[in-house]
Amino acid sequence: MTNLILLGFLPSGSEWIIILLVILLLFGGKKIPELMRGLGKGVKSFKEGVNEAKDEINKAKDEIDKPEEEKK
């Protein structure tokens, strides 16, 4: 139910065009590539952090499971 409510607030096609024009006016054509580069670096850093967290969780899980296997 809440997903359907949230979908009502998403911009449609023409609203995206208006949003992009406002961004272009606010930041100018020269700043947008810099903003996108920064956004890309942020996403990459976030993905690396998620992968590191997964590795740590798997390492801890392996350490917990290891003594059980040695007992058998």
C-alpha atoms as a PDB file:
ATOM      1  CA  MET A   1       0.000   0.000   0.000  1.00  0.00           C
ATOM      2  CA  THR A   2       2.743   2.456   0.954  1.00  0.00           C
ATOM      3  CA  ASN A   3       4.608   1.644  -2.266  1.00  0.00           C
ATOM      4  CA  LEU A   4       1.610   2.760  -4.291  1.00  0.00           C
ATOM      5  CA  ILE A   5       1.372   5.973  -2.313  1.00  0.00           C
ATOM      6  CA  LEU A   6       5.076   6.703  -2.855  1.00  0.00           C
ATOM      7  CA  LEU A   7       4.744   6.089  -6.594  1.00  0.00           C
ATOM      8  CA  GLY A   8       2.240   8.945  -6.765  1.00  0.00           C
ATOM      9  CA  PHE A   9       4.959  11.396  -5.717  1.00  0.00           C
ATOM     10  CA  LEU A  10       7.521  10.381  -8.350  1.00  0.00           C
ATOM     11  CA  PRO A  11       7.993  12.864 -11.190  1.00  0.00           C
ATOM     12  CA  SER A  12       6.679  11.950 -14.619  1.00  0.00           C
ATOM     13  CA  GLY A  13       8.396  12.588 -17.980  1.00  0.00           C
ATOM     14  CA  SER A  14       7.700  16.300 -18.353  1.00  0.00           C
ATOM     15  CA  GLU A  15       8.539  16.968 -14.699  1.00  0.00           C
ATOM     16  CA  TRP A  16      11.973  15.381 -15.195  1.00  0.00           C
ATOM     17  CA  ILE A  17      12.643  17.824 -18.032  1.00  0.00           C
ATOM     18  CA  ILE A  18      11.748  20.767 -15.808  1.00  0.00           C
ATOM     19  CA  ILE A  19      13.958  19.427 -13.009  1.00  0.00           C
ATOM     20  CA  LEU A  20      16.901  19.022 -15.411  1.00  0.00           C
ATOM     21  CA  LEU A  21      16.432  22.552 -16.738  1.00  0.00           C
ATOM     22  CA  VAL A  22      16.402  23.974 -13.212  1.00  0.00           C
ATOM     23  CA  ILE A  23      19.606  22.069 -12.392  1.00  0.00           C
ATOM     24  CA  LEU A  24      21.197  23.397 -15.575  1.00  0.00           C
ATOM     25  CA  LEU A  25      20.215  26.949 -14.679  1.00  0.00           C
ATOM     26  CA  LEU A  26      21.433  26.655 -11.087  1.00  0.00           C
ATOM     27  CA  PHE A  27      24.803  25.048 -11.737  1.00  0.00           C
ATOM     28  CA  GLY A  28      25.579  25.942 -15.334  1.00  0.00           C
ATOM     29  CA  GLY A  29      26.905  23.650 -18.042  1.00  0.00           C
ATOM     30  CA  LYS A  30      30.494  23.676 -16.789  1.00  0.00           C
ATOM     31  CA  LYS A  31      29.704  22.545 -13.242  1.00  0.00           C
ATOM     32  CA  ILE A  32      27.459  19.602 -14.122  1.00  0.00           C
ATOM     33  CA  PRO A  33      30.277  17.250 -15.271  1.00  0.00           C
ATOM     34  CA  GLU A  34      32.135  17.990 -12.031  1.00  0.00           C
ATOM     35  CA  LEU A  35      29.007  17.227 -10.024  1.00  0.00           C
ATOM     36  CA  MET A  36      28.491  13.946 -11.879  1.00  0.00           C
ATOM     37  CA  ARG A  37      32.132  12.963 -11.333  1.00  0.00           C
ATOM     38  CA  GLY A  38      31.743  13.606  -7.637  1.00  0.00           C
ATOM     39  CA  LEU A  39      28.525  11.625  -7.566  1.00  0.00           C
ATOM     40  CA  GLY A  40      30.224   8.724  -9.361  1.00  0.00           C
ATOM     41  CA  LYS A  41      33.102   8.735  -6.877  1.00  0.00           C
ATOM     42  CA  GLY A  42      30.611   8.742  -4.021  1.00  0.00           C
ATOM     43  CA  VAL A  43      28.716   5.768  -5.438  1.00  0.00           C
ATOM     44  CA  LYS A  44      31.979   3.886  -6.017  1.00  0.00           C
ATOM     45  CA  SER A  45      33.095   4.578  -2.447  1.00  0.00           C
ATOM     46  CA  PHE A  46      29.732   3.411  -1.109  1.00  0.00           C
ATOM     47  CA  LYS A  47      29.948   0.148  -3.081  1.00  0.00           C
ATOM     48  CA  GLU A  48      33.474  -0.468  -1.798  1.00  0.00           C
ATOM     49  CA  GLY A  49      32.257   0.101   1.756  1.00  0.00           C
ATOM     50  CA  VAL A  50      29.396  -2.352   1.282  1.00  0.00           C
ATOM     51  CA  ASN A  51      31.780  -4.972  -0.135  1.00  0.00           C
ATOM     52  CA  GLU A  52      34.182  -4.479   2.785  1.00  0.00           C
ATOM     53  CA  ALA A  53      31.326  -4.901   5.253  1.00  0.00           C
ATOM     54  CA  LYS A  54      30.237  -8.114   3.496  1.00  0.00           C
ATOM     55  CA  ASP A  55      33.808  -9.425   3.634  1.00  0.00           C
ATOM     56  CA  GLU A  56      34.048  -8.684   7.351  1.00  0.00           C
ATOM     57  CA  ILE A  57      30.725 -10.407   8.017  1.00  0.00           C
ATOM     58  CA  ASN A  58      31.771 -13.470   6.004  1.00  0.00           C
ATOM     59  CA  LYS A  59      35.159 -13.569   7.770  1.00  0.00           C
ATOM     60  CA  ALA A  60      33.476 -13.445  11.182  1.00  0.00           C
ATOM     61  CA  LYS A  61      31.015 -16.135  10.121  1.00  0.00           C
ATOM     62  CA  ASP A  62      33.854 -18.377   8.949  1.00  0.00           C
ATOM     63  CA  GLU A  63      35.672 -17.912  12.262  1.00  0.00           C
ATOM     64  CA  ILE A  64      32.539 -18.865  14.176  1.00  0.00           C
ATOM     65  CA  ASP A  65      31.870 -21.925  11.987  1.00  0.00           C
ATOM     66  CA  LYS A  66      35.495 -23.121  11.989  1.00  0.00           C
ATOM     67  CA  PRO A  67      35.642 -24.471  15.598  1.00  0.00           C
ATOM     68  CA  GLU A  68      32.446 -26.460  15.019  1.00  0.00           C
ATOM     69  CA  GLU A  69      34.015 -28.207  12.021  1.00  0.00           C
ATOM     70  CA  GLU A  70      37.205 -29.012  13.989  1.00  0.00           C
ATOM     71  CA  LYS A  71      35.166 -30.617  16.786  1.00  0.00           C
ATOM     72  CA  LYS A  72      33.586 -33.130  14.402  1.00  0.00           C
END
